[in-house]
Each structure stands twice: as structure tokens, then as C-alpha cells.
Amino acid sequence: MSDRPFHHGNLRAALLDEAMSVVRESGVDALSLRELARRVGVSHAAPRSHFADRQALLDDLAEAGFRRLTSEVRRAVDGRHDVRERFLRVAHAYVDFAIDDAALMDLMFQTGAASRPDAVSDAARDLFDTLDSAMGPRVAGTDEGARDTFKMLFAASMQGIAALVAAHRLARADGDRLVGDAMEMMLGSDLAARTVNAR
């Protein structure tokens, strides 16, 4: 049970924090509103004043996960002018999140974009907009389809590496090296030449 104090006004935040802990420790299947109430130390009905049901809680967790990952990626992007250094930092931020919060990452991406609640879709869009900023400013004649492909290839590659590490099929140090190798290949590709602005 959490020993973090809370007041009535921030019960929702306390419930979300505790839900994050449950997901990290035991996975999404272990999460229930009743168990969450027990861990936070409130009545079993209290969470329903903030979450209509378990799915609403999961949606809010997915949104919070996207917001947190976006913040970490943005920190990696900010102030980095060399495109290779910038992308390497972004890649490591992305992979570290996906390893340390593997169950949350699965939750974030398990729902198709068309069926996500608006708030989750908006948070996911913010993440990909932030990844887009790592590619540098658009120039005349930018191929938007290729730019989107590069972002999706980046996300798929990083999540794949993270999944291997999280499943203990790859040591974390080996995963770090693979991140560097993957970025060298991607940034040296024809796709990158058409989409990534080195400025």
C-alpha cells in the first residue's frame, strides 16, 4: 500500500500514481479499481468518482504514459543541434521508457488509433509530433509520407529492441549498442536523406 499522503483534491493523481506502480510491478491484468482503492487507503467506491470503470482508468493511464514519454523525448530533443546526437538521445530515451515501463508501453499501443478516446489520441499525436521535431524543420518539397514512414520505422525499431531486453533475450548493454547500430543504419538510409533535416 502506498504511504504517500494525499488530500481530497488530488485523489485522482494518487490513484493514477498507484496504478502506475501496480502495472510496473504486476502488469495490467493485476489492476482493478477495488485493489487500487485498497492500496491507496480509501473506500472501494472512491475511485469511481474519478474513473467510471476499469477501462476509463486504463485509458487515463495510457494518456499519462504518452504524456510522460513525450516529455522525456522532448528533453532529449531540446538543445541538441547535431542530428545524430539528437536522434541517439531520443532513441535511448524511448527505449529506456519502453524497457522500464514495458507493460505500460504495451497498454499505450494496444488500442488502435481509430478506437482510442480523444484524449489518448491527442497524447499519442503529441508524441509523434515531438519525434517529428527531432527530424529538423521541414524544407520545400518535404515528402510527408516518407517522413511519417521514418517516424514509424523509428518507433517500431526502438520498441522491438526494448521488447527483446524486457523479455531478457538481450542484455541491456547489448540493447544499448543495438540502438546505436540501428540509428546509424536509419540515418544513413535513403529514407533519412529524403526526410531528416540535418540542421
N, C-alpha and C. Protein backbone atom coordinates (compact mmCIF):
# COMPACT_ATOMS: atom_id res chain seq x y z
N MET A 1 0.83 -1.19 0.00
CA MET A 1 0.00 0.00 0.00
C MET A 1 0.87 1.24 0.00
N SER A 2 0.44 2.23 -0.72
CA SER A 2 1.20 3.46 -0.80
C SER A 2 1.15 4.20 0.53
N ASP A 3 2.27 4.82 0.93
CA ASP A 3 2.27 5.65 2.12
C ASP A 3 2.34 7.12 1.74
N ARG A 4 2.08 7.42 0.46
CA ARG A 4 2.13 8.81 0.01
C ARG A 4 0.86 9.52 0.45
N PRO A 5 0.99 10.66 1.14
CA PRO A 5 -0.21 11.36 1.59
C PRO A 5 -0.92 12.01 0.41
N PHE A 6 -2.23 12.17 0.55
CA PHE A 6 -2.97 12.90 -0.46
C PHE A 6 -4.13 13.60 0.21
N HIS A 7 -4.63 14.60 -0.45
CA HIS A 7 -5.81 15.31 0.01
C HIS A 7 -6.93 15.02 -0.96
N HIS A 8 -8.15 15.34 -0.58
CA HIS A 8 -9.30 15.03 -1.41
C HIS A 8 -9.10 15.54 -2.84
N GLY A 9 -8.51 16.71 -2.97
CA GLY A 9 -8.36 17.34 -4.28
C GLY A 9 -7.40 16.63 -5.20
N ASN A 10 -6.49 15.81 -4.67
CA ASN A 10 -5.55 15.13 -5.56
C ASN A 10 -5.65 13.60 -5.46
N LEU A 11 -6.83 13.11 -5.09
CA LEU A 11 -7.04 11.67 -5.03
C LEU A 11 -6.85 11.05 -6.41
N ARG A 12 -7.32 11.71 -7.45
CA ARG A 12 -7.17 11.16 -8.79
C ARG A 12 -5.70 10.95 -9.14
N ALA A 13 -4.87 11.95 -8.82
CA ALA A 13 -3.44 11.82 -9.10
C ALA A 13 -2.82 10.69 -8.29
N ALA A 14 -3.25 10.55 -7.02
CA ALA A 14 -2.72 9.47 -6.18
C ALA A 14 -3.13 8.11 -6.74
N LEU A 15 -4.37 8.00 -7.21
CA LEU A 15 -4.83 6.74 -7.79
C LEU A 15 -4.05 6.40 -9.06
N LEU A 16 -3.81 7.40 -9.90
CA LEU A 16 -3.03 7.15 -11.12
C LEU A 16 -1.59 6.75 -10.80
N ASP A 17 -0.99 7.42 -9.83
CA ASP A 17 0.38 7.07 -9.44
C ASP A 17 0.44 5.63 -8.94
N GLU A 18 -0.54 5.27 -8.14
CA GLU A 18 -0.55 3.90 -7.60
C GLU A 18 -0.84 2.89 -8.70
N ALA A 19 -1.70 3.26 -9.63
CA ALA A 19 -1.98 2.38 -10.76
C ALA A 19 -0.72 2.15 -11.59
N MET A 20 0.07 3.21 -11.78
CA MET A 20 1.35 3.06 -12.49
C MET A 20 2.24 2.04 -11.77
N SER A 21 2.26 2.12 -10.45
CA SER A 21 3.09 1.19 -9.67
C SER A 21 2.61 -0.24 -9.82
N VAL A 22 1.29 -0.44 -9.79
CA VAL A 22 0.74 -1.79 -9.95
C VAL A 22 1.11 -2.36 -11.32
N VAL A 23 0.95 -1.55 -12.36
CA VAL A 23 1.27 -2.00 -13.72
C VAL A 23 2.74 -2.34 -13.83
N ARG A 24 3.59 -1.52 -13.24
CA ARG A 24 5.04 -1.77 -13.29
C ARG A 24 5.41 -3.05 -12.54
N GLU A 25 4.76 -3.27 -11.41
CA GLU A 25 5.10 -4.43 -10.57
C GLU A 25 4.50 -5.73 -11.08
N SER A 26 3.23 -5.66 -11.51
CA SER A 26 2.49 -6.90 -11.75
C SER A 26 1.78 -6.97 -13.09
N GLY A 27 1.82 -5.92 -13.88
CA GLY A 27 1.16 -5.93 -15.18
C GLY A 27 -0.26 -5.41 -15.12
N VAL A 28 -0.80 -5.16 -16.30
CA VAL A 28 -2.13 -4.56 -16.41
C VAL A 28 -3.21 -5.46 -15.85
N ASP A 29 -3.07 -6.78 -16.02
CA ASP A 29 -4.12 -7.71 -15.57
C ASP A 29 -4.33 -7.65 -14.06
N ALA A 30 -3.33 -7.19 -13.32
CA ALA A 30 -3.45 -7.13 -11.86
C ALA A 30 -4.20 -5.89 -11.39
N LEU A 31 -4.54 -5.01 -12.30
CA LEU A 31 -5.13 -3.73 -11.92
C LEU A 31 -6.64 -3.82 -11.83
N SER A 32 -7.18 -3.41 -10.68
CA SER A 32 -8.63 -3.30 -10.50
C SER A 32 -8.90 -2.07 -9.66
N LEU A 33 -10.08 -1.50 -9.81
CA LEU A 33 -10.42 -0.30 -9.03
C LEU A 33 -10.48 -0.64 -7.54
N ARG A 34 -10.98 -1.81 -7.21
CA ARG A 34 -11.08 -2.19 -5.79
C ARG A 34 -9.68 -2.35 -5.17
N GLU A 35 -8.77 -3.02 -5.87
CA GLU A 35 -7.42 -3.20 -5.35
C GLU A 35 -6.69 -1.87 -5.26
N LEU A 36 -6.95 -1.02 -6.23
CA LEU A 36 -6.34 0.31 -6.22
C LEU A 36 -6.81 1.10 -5.00
N ALA A 37 -8.09 1.03 -4.71
CA ALA A 37 -8.63 1.72 -3.52
C ALA A 37 -7.97 1.19 -2.26
N ARG A 38 -7.80 -0.12 -2.18
CA ARG A 38 -7.18 -0.71 -1.00
C ARG A 38 -5.75 -0.22 -0.83
N ARG A 39 -5.01 -0.17 -1.92
CA ARG A 39 -3.61 0.25 -1.85
C ARG A 39 -3.46 1.71 -1.46
N VAL A 40 -4.39 2.54 -1.93
CA VAL A 40 -4.31 3.96 -1.61
C VAL A 40 -4.89 4.25 -0.24
N GLY A 41 -5.77 3.36 0.24
CA GLY A 41 -6.33 3.53 1.58
C GLY A 41 -7.63 4.31 1.60
N VAL A 42 -8.46 4.11 0.56
CA VAL A 42 -9.76 4.77 0.52
C VAL A 42 -10.84 3.71 0.35
N SER A 43 -12.10 4.13 0.45
CA SER A 43 -13.19 3.18 0.29
C SER A 43 -13.19 2.60 -1.11
N HIS A 44 -13.74 1.39 -1.27
CA HIS A 44 -13.70 0.74 -2.57
C HIS A 44 -14.49 1.50 -3.62
N ALA A 45 -15.40 2.37 -3.19
CA ALA A 45 -16.19 3.15 -4.14
C ALA A 45 -15.50 4.45 -4.56
N ALA A 46 -14.49 4.88 -3.81
CA ALA A 46 -13.87 6.19 -4.06
C ALA A 46 -13.31 6.35 -5.47
N PRO A 47 -12.63 5.35 -6.03
CA PRO A 47 -12.08 5.55 -7.39
C PRO A 47 -13.14 5.85 -8.44
N ARG A 48 -14.38 5.40 -8.22
CA ARG A 48 -15.41 5.60 -9.24
C ARG A 48 -15.85 7.06 -9.35
N SER A 49 -15.44 7.88 -8.41
CA SER A 49 -15.73 9.31 -8.55
C SER A 49 -14.78 9.94 -9.58
N HIS A 50 -13.71 9.23 -9.96
CA HIS A 50 -12.75 9.73 -10.94
C HIS A 50 -12.69 8.87 -12.19
N PHE A 51 -13.01 7.58 -12.08
CA PHE A 51 -12.95 6.66 -13.21
C PHE A 51 -14.26 5.88 -13.25
N ALA A 52 -15.00 6.01 -14.34
CA ALA A 52 -16.31 5.35 -14.42
C ALA A 52 -16.20 3.84 -14.30
N ASP A 53 -15.11 3.29 -14.85
CA ASP A 53 -14.88 1.85 -14.79
C ASP A 53 -13.40 1.58 -15.01
N ARG A 54 -13.03 0.32 -15.04
CA ARG A 54 -11.63 -0.05 -15.21
C ARG A 54 -11.08 0.44 -16.54
N GLN A 55 -11.89 0.38 -17.60
CA GLN A 55 -11.40 0.83 -18.90
C GLN A 55 -11.08 2.32 -18.89
N ALA A 56 -11.88 3.10 -18.18
CA ALA A 56 -11.59 4.54 -18.08
C ALA A 56 -10.25 4.76 -17.38
N LEU A 57 -9.97 3.95 -16.37
CA LEU A 57 -8.68 4.03 -15.69
C LEU A 57 -7.54 3.67 -16.65
N LEU A 58 -7.72 2.61 -17.42
CA LEU A 58 -6.69 2.20 -18.37
C LEU A 58 -6.46 3.28 -19.44
N ASP A 59 -7.53 3.90 -19.88
CA ASP A 59 -7.39 4.98 -20.86
C ASP A 59 -6.59 6.14 -20.29
N ASP A 60 -6.88 6.49 -19.04
CA ASP A 60 -6.14 7.59 -18.41
C ASP A 60 -4.68 7.22 -18.18
N LEU A 61 -4.43 5.96 -17.88
CA LEU A 61 -3.04 5.51 -17.73
C LEU A 61 -2.30 5.59 -19.06
N ALA A 62 -2.96 5.18 -20.14
CA ALA A 62 -2.33 5.26 -21.46
C ALA A 62 -2.03 6.72 -21.81
N GLU A 63 -2.98 7.60 -21.55
CA GLU A 63 -2.74 9.02 -21.82
C GLU A 63 -1.56 9.53 -21.01
N ALA A 64 -1.53 9.20 -19.71
CA ALA A 64 -0.42 9.65 -18.86
C ALA A 64 0.91 9.08 -19.34
N GLY A 65 0.90 7.84 -19.83
CA GLY A 65 2.12 7.24 -20.35
C GLY A 65 2.62 7.99 -21.58
N PHE A 66 1.73 8.31 -22.49
CA PHE A 66 2.13 9.08 -23.67
C PHE A 66 2.68 10.45 -23.27
N ARG A 67 2.03 11.10 -22.30
CA ARG A 67 2.49 12.42 -21.87
C ARG A 67 3.89 12.33 -21.26
N ARG A 68 4.11 11.29 -20.46
CA ARG A 68 5.42 11.16 -19.82
C ARG A 68 6.52 10.84 -20.83
N LEU A 69 6.22 9.94 -21.76
CA LEU A 69 7.21 9.61 -22.78
C LEU A 69 7.50 10.82 -23.66
N THR A 70 6.47 11.57 -24.00
CA THR A 70 6.66 12.79 -24.80
C THR A 70 7.58 13.76 -24.08
N SER A 71 7.38 13.92 -22.78
CA SER A 71 8.23 14.83 -22.00
C SER A 71 9.69 14.37 -22.02
N GLU A 72 9.91 13.07 -21.92
CA GLU A 72 11.28 12.56 -21.91
C GLU A 72 11.93 12.70 -23.30
N VAL A 73 11.15 12.46 -24.34
CA VAL A 73 11.68 12.64 -25.70
C VAL A 73 11.97 14.12 -25.96
N ARG A 74 11.08 14.99 -25.49
CA ARG A 74 11.29 16.43 -25.70
C ARG A 74 12.58 16.90 -25.02
N ARG A 75 12.85 16.38 -23.83
CA ARG A 75 14.10 16.74 -23.15
C ARG A 75 15.30 16.28 -23.96
N ALA A 76 15.17 15.13 -24.60
CA ALA A 76 16.28 14.63 -25.43
C ALA A 76 16.48 15.47 -26.67
N VAL A 77 15.40 16.03 -27.19
CA VAL A 77 15.47 16.83 -28.41
C VAL A 77 16.03 18.23 -28.13
N ASP A 78 15.57 18.82 -27.02
CA ASP A 78 15.88 20.22 -26.75
C ASP A 78 17.37 20.48 -26.66
N GLY A 79 17.82 21.48 -27.38
CA GLY A 79 19.21 21.94 -27.28
C GLY A 79 20.22 21.08 -27.99
N ARG A 80 19.77 20.07 -28.74
CA ARG A 80 20.69 19.17 -29.44
C ARG A 80 20.67 19.52 -30.92
N HIS A 81 21.78 20.04 -31.46
CA HIS A 81 21.77 20.54 -32.83
C HIS A 81 22.35 19.54 -33.84
N ASP A 82 23.17 18.60 -33.38
CA ASP A 82 23.70 17.59 -34.28
C ASP A 82 22.67 16.48 -34.41
N VAL A 83 22.25 16.18 -35.65
CA VAL A 83 21.13 15.27 -35.84
C VAL A 83 21.42 13.87 -35.30
N ARG A 84 22.65 13.40 -35.44
CA ARG A 84 22.96 12.05 -34.95
C ARG A 84 22.93 11.99 -33.42
N GLU A 85 23.50 13.00 -32.78
CA GLU A 85 23.45 13.03 -31.32
C GLU A 85 22.01 13.16 -30.86
N ARG A 86 21.25 14.02 -31.53
CA ARG A 86 19.86 14.23 -31.14
C ARG A 86 19.06 12.95 -31.23
N PHE A 87 19.20 12.25 -32.37
CA PHE A 87 18.44 11.02 -32.53
C PHE A 87 18.90 9.91 -31.59
N LEU A 88 20.19 9.86 -31.31
CA LEU A 88 20.68 8.84 -30.38
C LEU A 88 20.10 9.07 -28.99
N ARG A 89 20.05 10.33 -28.57
CA ARG A 89 19.48 10.65 -27.26
C ARG A 89 17.98 10.34 -27.23
N VAL A 90 17.29 10.69 -28.31
CA VAL A 90 15.86 10.39 -28.40
C VAL A 90 15.64 8.88 -28.37
N ALA A 91 16.45 8.15 -29.11
CA ALA A 91 16.31 6.69 -29.16
C ALA A 91 16.51 6.06 -27.79
N HIS A 92 17.53 6.51 -27.08
CA HIS A 92 17.77 5.95 -25.75
C HIS A 92 16.65 6.32 -24.77
N ALA A 93 16.13 7.53 -24.87
CA ALA A 93 15.01 7.92 -24.01
C ALA A 93 13.80 7.04 -24.28
N TYR A 94 13.54 6.79 -25.55
CA TYR A 94 12.40 5.96 -25.96
C TYR A 94 12.57 4.52 -25.48
N VAL A 95 13.75 3.97 -25.71
CA VAL A 95 13.99 2.57 -25.34
C VAL A 95 14.02 2.40 -23.83
N ASP A 96 14.62 3.33 -23.11
CA ASP A 96 14.64 3.23 -21.65
C ASP A 96 13.22 3.21 -21.09
N PHE A 97 12.36 4.07 -21.60
CA PHE A 97 10.96 4.08 -21.16
C PHE A 97 10.30 2.75 -21.47
N ALA A 98 10.50 2.25 -22.69
CA ALA A 98 9.85 1.02 -23.12
C ALA A 98 10.34 -0.20 -22.35
N ILE A 99 11.57 -0.16 -21.84
CA ILE A 99 12.08 -1.26 -21.02
C ILE A 99 11.57 -1.14 -19.58
N ASP A 100 11.73 0.05 -19.01
CA ASP A 100 11.40 0.24 -17.60
C ASP A 100 9.89 0.19 -17.35
N ASP A 101 9.10 0.54 -18.37
CA ASP A 101 7.64 0.51 -18.25
C ASP A 101 7.05 -0.29 -19.41
N ALA A 102 7.52 -1.52 -19.54
CA ALA A 102 7.12 -2.35 -20.68
C ALA A 102 5.62 -2.59 -20.71
N ALA A 103 5.01 -2.89 -19.56
CA ALA A 103 3.57 -3.16 -19.53
C ALA A 103 2.78 -1.91 -19.87
N LEU A 104 3.24 -0.77 -19.39
CA LEU A 104 2.57 0.49 -19.72
C LEU A 104 2.69 0.78 -21.21
N MET A 105 3.87 0.53 -21.79
CA MET A 105 4.06 0.76 -23.22
C MET A 105 3.11 -0.12 -24.02
N ASP A 106 2.95 -1.38 -23.62
CA ASP A 106 2.01 -2.26 -24.30
C ASP A 106 0.60 -1.70 -24.22
N LEU A 107 0.22 -1.20 -23.04
CA LEU A 107 -1.11 -0.62 -22.87
C LEU A 107 -1.30 0.59 -23.78
N MET A 108 -0.28 1.43 -23.87
CA MET A 108 -0.36 2.65 -24.68
C MET A 108 -0.64 2.34 -26.14
N PHE A 109 -0.07 1.23 -26.65
CA PHE A 109 -0.16 0.95 -28.08
C PHE A 109 -1.09 -0.21 -28.41
N GLN A 110 -1.78 -0.76 -27.41
CA GLN A 110 -2.60 -1.93 -27.70
C GLN A 110 -3.92 -1.56 -28.38
N THR A 111 -4.35 -0.31 -28.25
CA THR A 111 -5.60 0.11 -28.85
C THR A 111 -5.32 0.81 -30.17
N GLY A 112 -6.01 0.43 -31.20
CA GLY A 112 -5.84 1.07 -32.50
C GLY A 112 -6.21 2.54 -32.45
N ALA A 113 -5.56 3.33 -33.27
CA ALA A 113 -5.77 4.78 -33.26
C ALA A 113 -7.24 5.14 -33.46
N ALA A 114 -7.94 4.38 -34.30
CA ALA A 114 -9.33 4.73 -34.62
C ALA A 114 -10.26 4.55 -33.43
N SER A 115 -9.90 3.65 -32.50
CA SER A 115 -10.79 3.38 -31.37
C SER A 115 -10.31 3.97 -30.05
N ARG A 116 -9.24 4.76 -30.09
CA ARG A 116 -8.77 5.40 -28.87
C ARG A 116 -9.69 6.55 -28.47
N PRO A 117 -9.86 6.79 -27.17
CA PRO A 117 -10.55 8.02 -26.75
C PRO A 117 -9.76 9.23 -27.24
N ASP A 118 -10.44 10.35 -27.40
CA ASP A 118 -9.81 11.55 -27.95
C ASP A 118 -8.57 11.96 -27.16
N ALA A 119 -8.66 11.91 -25.83
CA ALA A 119 -7.53 12.37 -25.01
C ALA A 119 -6.29 11.50 -25.24
N VAL A 120 -6.49 10.19 -25.41
CA VAL A 120 -5.36 9.29 -25.67
C VAL A 120 -4.81 9.54 -27.07
N SER A 121 -5.69 9.75 -28.04
CA SER A 121 -5.25 10.04 -29.41
C SER A 121 -4.45 11.34 -29.45
N ASP A 122 -4.91 12.34 -28.72
CA ASP A 122 -4.20 13.62 -28.69
C ASP A 122 -2.81 13.46 -28.07
N ALA A 123 -2.74 12.66 -27.00
CA ALA A 123 -1.45 12.44 -26.34
C ALA A 123 -0.50 11.66 -27.25
N ALA A 124 -1.02 10.68 -27.98
CA ALA A 124 -0.19 9.92 -28.92
C ALA A 124 0.29 10.82 -30.05
N ARG A 125 -0.58 11.70 -30.52
CA ARG A 125 -0.20 12.63 -31.59
C ARG A 125 0.91 13.57 -31.11
N ASP A 126 0.83 14.02 -29.87
CA ASP A 126 1.88 14.89 -29.31
C ASP A 126 3.22 14.17 -29.32
N LEU A 127 3.22 12.87 -29.00
CA LEU A 127 4.47 12.10 -29.02
C LEU A 127 5.06 12.09 -30.42
N PHE A 128 4.24 11.79 -31.43
CA PHE A 128 4.78 11.70 -32.78
C PHE A 128 5.13 13.08 -33.35
N ASP A 129 4.45 14.12 -32.88
CA ASP A 129 4.86 15.48 -33.26
C ASP A 129 6.23 15.81 -32.67
N THR A 130 6.48 15.34 -31.44
CA THR A 130 7.78 15.57 -30.81
C THR A 130 8.87 14.79 -31.53
N LEU A 131 8.57 13.55 -31.91
CA LEU A 131 9.52 12.77 -32.71
C LEU A 131 9.78 13.48 -34.04
N ASP A 132 8.74 14.05 -34.59
CA ASP A 132 8.90 14.78 -35.85
C ASP A 132 9.88 15.95 -35.69
N SER A 133 9.81 16.62 -34.53
CA SER A 133 10.70 17.77 -34.31
C SER A 133 12.16 17.35 -34.27
N ALA A 134 12.42 16.09 -33.90
CA ALA A 134 13.80 15.59 -33.88
C ALA A 134 14.36 15.50 -35.30
N MET A 135 13.48 15.45 -36.29
CA MET A 135 13.91 15.32 -37.68
C MET A 135 14.31 16.66 -38.29
N GLY A 136 14.14 17.72 -37.52
CA GLY A 136 14.52 19.03 -38.02
C GLY A 136 13.37 19.68 -38.77
N PRO A 137 13.51 20.97 -39.10
CA PRO A 137 12.42 21.69 -39.77
C PRO A 137 12.18 21.17 -41.18
N ARG A 138 10.93 21.28 -41.59
CA ARG A 138 10.59 20.91 -42.97
C ARG A 138 11.19 21.92 -43.94
N VAL A 139 11.52 21.42 -45.11
CA VAL A 139 12.01 22.30 -46.19
C VAL A 139 11.08 22.12 -47.38
N ALA A 140 11.21 23.00 -48.33
CA ALA A 140 10.36 22.93 -49.52
C ALA A 140 10.47 21.56 -50.17
N GLY A 141 9.33 20.99 -50.52
CA GLY A 141 9.32 19.69 -51.18
C GLY A 141 9.42 18.51 -50.23
N THR A 142 9.27 18.73 -48.92
CA THR A 142 9.33 17.63 -47.96
C THR A 142 8.30 16.55 -48.32
N ASP A 143 8.74 15.32 -48.32
CA ASP A 143 7.86 14.17 -48.60
C ASP A 143 7.22 13.74 -47.28
N GLU A 144 5.97 14.17 -47.05
CA GLU A 144 5.32 13.91 -45.77
C GLU A 144 5.10 12.42 -45.54
N GLY A 145 4.78 11.68 -46.61
CA GLY A 145 4.58 10.25 -46.44
C GLY A 145 5.85 9.56 -46.01
N ALA A 146 6.99 9.94 -46.61
CA ALA A 146 8.27 9.35 -46.23
C ALA A 146 8.65 9.76 -44.82
N ARG A 147 8.32 10.99 -44.45
CA ARG A 147 8.62 11.48 -43.09
C ARG A 147 7.84 10.66 -42.06
N ASP A 148 6.56 10.40 -42.34
CA ASP A 148 5.76 9.56 -41.44
C ASP A 148 6.32 8.15 -41.37
N THR A 149 6.77 7.62 -42.51
CA THR A 149 7.35 6.27 -42.53
C THR A 149 8.60 6.21 -41.66
N PHE A 150 9.44 7.24 -41.73
CA PHE A 150 10.65 7.26 -40.91
C PHE A 150 10.29 7.23 -39.43
N LYS A 151 9.29 8.03 -39.02
CA LYS A 151 8.89 8.05 -37.61
C LYS A 151 8.36 6.69 -37.16
N MET A 152 7.54 6.05 -38.00
CA MET A 152 7.00 4.76 -37.63
C MET A 152 8.09 3.69 -37.60
N LEU A 153 9.03 3.76 -38.52
CA LEU A 153 10.15 2.82 -38.53
C LEU A 153 11.01 3.01 -37.29
N PHE A 154 11.23 4.25 -36.92
CA PHE A 154 11.98 4.54 -35.70
C PHE A 154 11.28 3.93 -34.49
N ALA A 155 9.98 4.21 -34.33
CA ALA A 155 9.25 3.71 -33.17
C ALA A 155 9.23 2.18 -33.14
N ALA A 156 9.00 1.56 -34.30
CA ALA A 156 8.96 0.09 -34.36
C ALA A 156 10.31 -0.52 -34.01
N SER A 157 11.38 0.09 -34.51
CA SER A 157 12.73 -0.43 -34.22
C SER A 157 13.06 -0.31 -32.74
N MET A 158 12.78 0.85 -32.16
CA MET A 158 13.12 1.05 -30.76
C MET A 158 12.27 0.18 -29.85
N GLN A 159 10.97 0.04 -30.16
CA GLN A 159 10.12 -0.82 -29.34
C GLN A 159 10.53 -2.29 -29.49
N GLY A 160 10.98 -2.67 -30.67
CA GLY A 160 11.45 -4.04 -30.85
C GLY A 160 12.68 -4.34 -30.03
N ILE A 161 13.63 -3.43 -30.01
CA ILE A 161 14.83 -3.60 -29.18
C ILE A 161 14.45 -3.67 -27.72
N ALA A 162 13.58 -2.75 -27.30
CA ALA A 162 13.15 -2.72 -25.90
C ALA A 162 12.45 -4.02 -25.51
N ALA A 163 11.62 -4.56 -26.42
CA ALA A 163 10.90 -5.81 -26.12
C ALA A 163 11.88 -6.96 -25.91
N LEU A 164 12.95 -7.02 -26.70
CA LEU A 164 13.96 -8.07 -26.53
C LEU A 164 14.66 -7.95 -25.18
N VAL A 165 14.96 -6.71 -24.77
CA VAL A 165 15.61 -6.51 -23.48
C VAL A 165 14.65 -6.85 -22.35
N ALA A 166 13.41 -6.36 -22.45
CA ALA A 166 12.42 -6.60 -21.39
C ALA A 166 12.13 -8.09 -21.22
N ALA A 167 12.23 -8.85 -22.33
CA ALA A 167 11.99 -10.30 -22.27
C ALA A 167 13.25 -11.08 -21.89
N HIS A 168 14.34 -10.35 -21.59
CA HIS A 168 15.63 -10.95 -21.21
C HIS A 168 16.23 -11.82 -22.32
N ARG A 169 15.89 -11.48 -23.55
CA ARG A 169 16.51 -12.17 -24.68
C ARG A 169 17.74 -11.41 -25.16
N LEU A 170 17.92 -10.22 -24.59
CA LEU A 170 19.04 -9.37 -24.95
C LEU A 170 19.45 -8.61 -23.70
N ALA A 171 20.75 -8.61 -23.39
CA ALA A 171 21.23 -7.85 -22.24
C ALA A 171 21.05 -6.36 -22.50
N ARG A 172 20.87 -5.60 -21.43
CA ARG A 172 20.60 -4.17 -21.62
C ARG A 172 21.77 -3.48 -22.31
N ALA A 173 22.99 -3.85 -21.96
CA ALA A 173 24.15 -3.23 -22.61
C ALA A 173 24.17 -3.55 -24.11
N ASP A 174 23.79 -4.78 -24.45
CA ASP A 174 23.72 -5.15 -25.86
C ASP A 174 22.61 -4.37 -26.55
N GLY A 175 21.51 -4.15 -25.83
CA GLY A 175 20.43 -3.35 -26.37
C GLY A 175 20.88 -1.93 -26.66
N ASP A 176 21.67 -1.36 -25.74
CA ASP A 176 22.20 -0.01 -25.95
C ASP A 176 23.04 0.06 -27.23
N ARG A 177 23.88 -0.96 -27.42
CA ARG A 177 24.71 -0.98 -28.63
C ARG A 177 23.85 -1.13 -29.88
N LEU A 178 22.80 -1.95 -29.77
CA LEU A 178 21.92 -2.16 -30.92
C LEU A 178 21.17 -0.88 -31.28
N VAL A 179 20.82 -0.09 -30.27
CA VAL A 179 20.18 1.21 -30.53
C VAL A 179 21.10 2.07 -31.40
N GLY A 180 22.39 2.13 -31.03
CA GLY A 180 23.35 2.91 -31.80
C GLY A 180 23.49 2.40 -33.22
N ASP A 181 23.55 1.07 -33.36
CA ASP A 181 23.67 0.49 -34.70
C ASP A 181 22.43 0.78 -35.55
N ALA A 182 21.26 0.66 -34.92
CA ALA A 182 20.01 0.91 -35.65
C ALA A 182 19.93 2.36 -36.11
N MET A 183 20.35 3.29 -35.26
CA MET A 183 20.29 4.69 -35.65
C MET A 183 21.29 5.00 -36.76
N GLU A 184 22.47 4.37 -36.72
CA GLU A 184 23.43 4.57 -37.81
C GLU A 184 22.85 4.11 -39.14
N MET A 185 22.18 2.95 -39.12
CA MET A 185 21.58 2.43 -40.34
C MET A 185 20.45 3.33 -40.82
N MET A 186 19.59 3.74 -39.90
CA MET A 186 18.44 4.55 -40.29
C MET A 186 18.87 5.92 -40.81
N LEU A 187 19.80 6.55 -40.11
CA LEU A 187 20.21 7.90 -40.51
C LEU A 187 21.08 7.88 -41.77
N GLY A 188 21.64 6.72 -42.09
CA GLY A 188 22.42 6.61 -43.32
C GLY A 188 21.61 6.13 -44.51
N SER A 189 20.30 5.96 -44.30
CA SER A 189 19.45 5.41 -45.35
C SER A 189 18.99 6.48 -46.33
N ASP A 190 18.51 6.02 -47.47
CA ASP A 190 17.92 6.93 -48.46
C ASP A 190 16.68 7.60 -47.89
N LEU A 191 15.93 6.86 -47.07
CA LEU A 191 14.74 7.42 -46.44
C LEU A 191 15.11 8.64 -45.58
N ALA A 192 16.18 8.52 -44.79
CA ALA A 192 16.62 9.64 -43.95
C ALA A 192 17.08 10.81 -44.80
N ALA A 193 17.77 10.50 -45.89
CA ALA A 193 18.26 11.57 -46.77
C ALA A 193 17.11 12.40 -47.32
N ARG A 194 15.95 11.76 -47.50
CA ARG A 194 14.79 12.45 -48.05
C ARG A 194 13.93 13.13 -47.00
N THR A 195 14.16 12.80 -45.72
CA THR A 195 13.21 13.26 -44.70
C THR A 195 13.83 13.99 -43.52
N VAL A 196 15.08 13.68 -43.19
CA VAL A 196 15.69 14.26 -41.98
C VAL A 196 16.52 15.47 -42.37
N ASN A 197 16.21 16.59 -41.76
CA ASN A 197 16.96 17.83 -41.99
C ASN A 197 18.07 17.89 -40.97
N ALA A 198 19.31 17.89 -41.42
CA ALA A 198 20.46 17.81 -40.51
C ALA A 198 20.68 19.11 -39.74
N ARG A 199 19.97 20.15 -40.09
CA ARG A 199 20.18 21.42 -39.37
C ARG A 199 19.52 21.37 -38.02
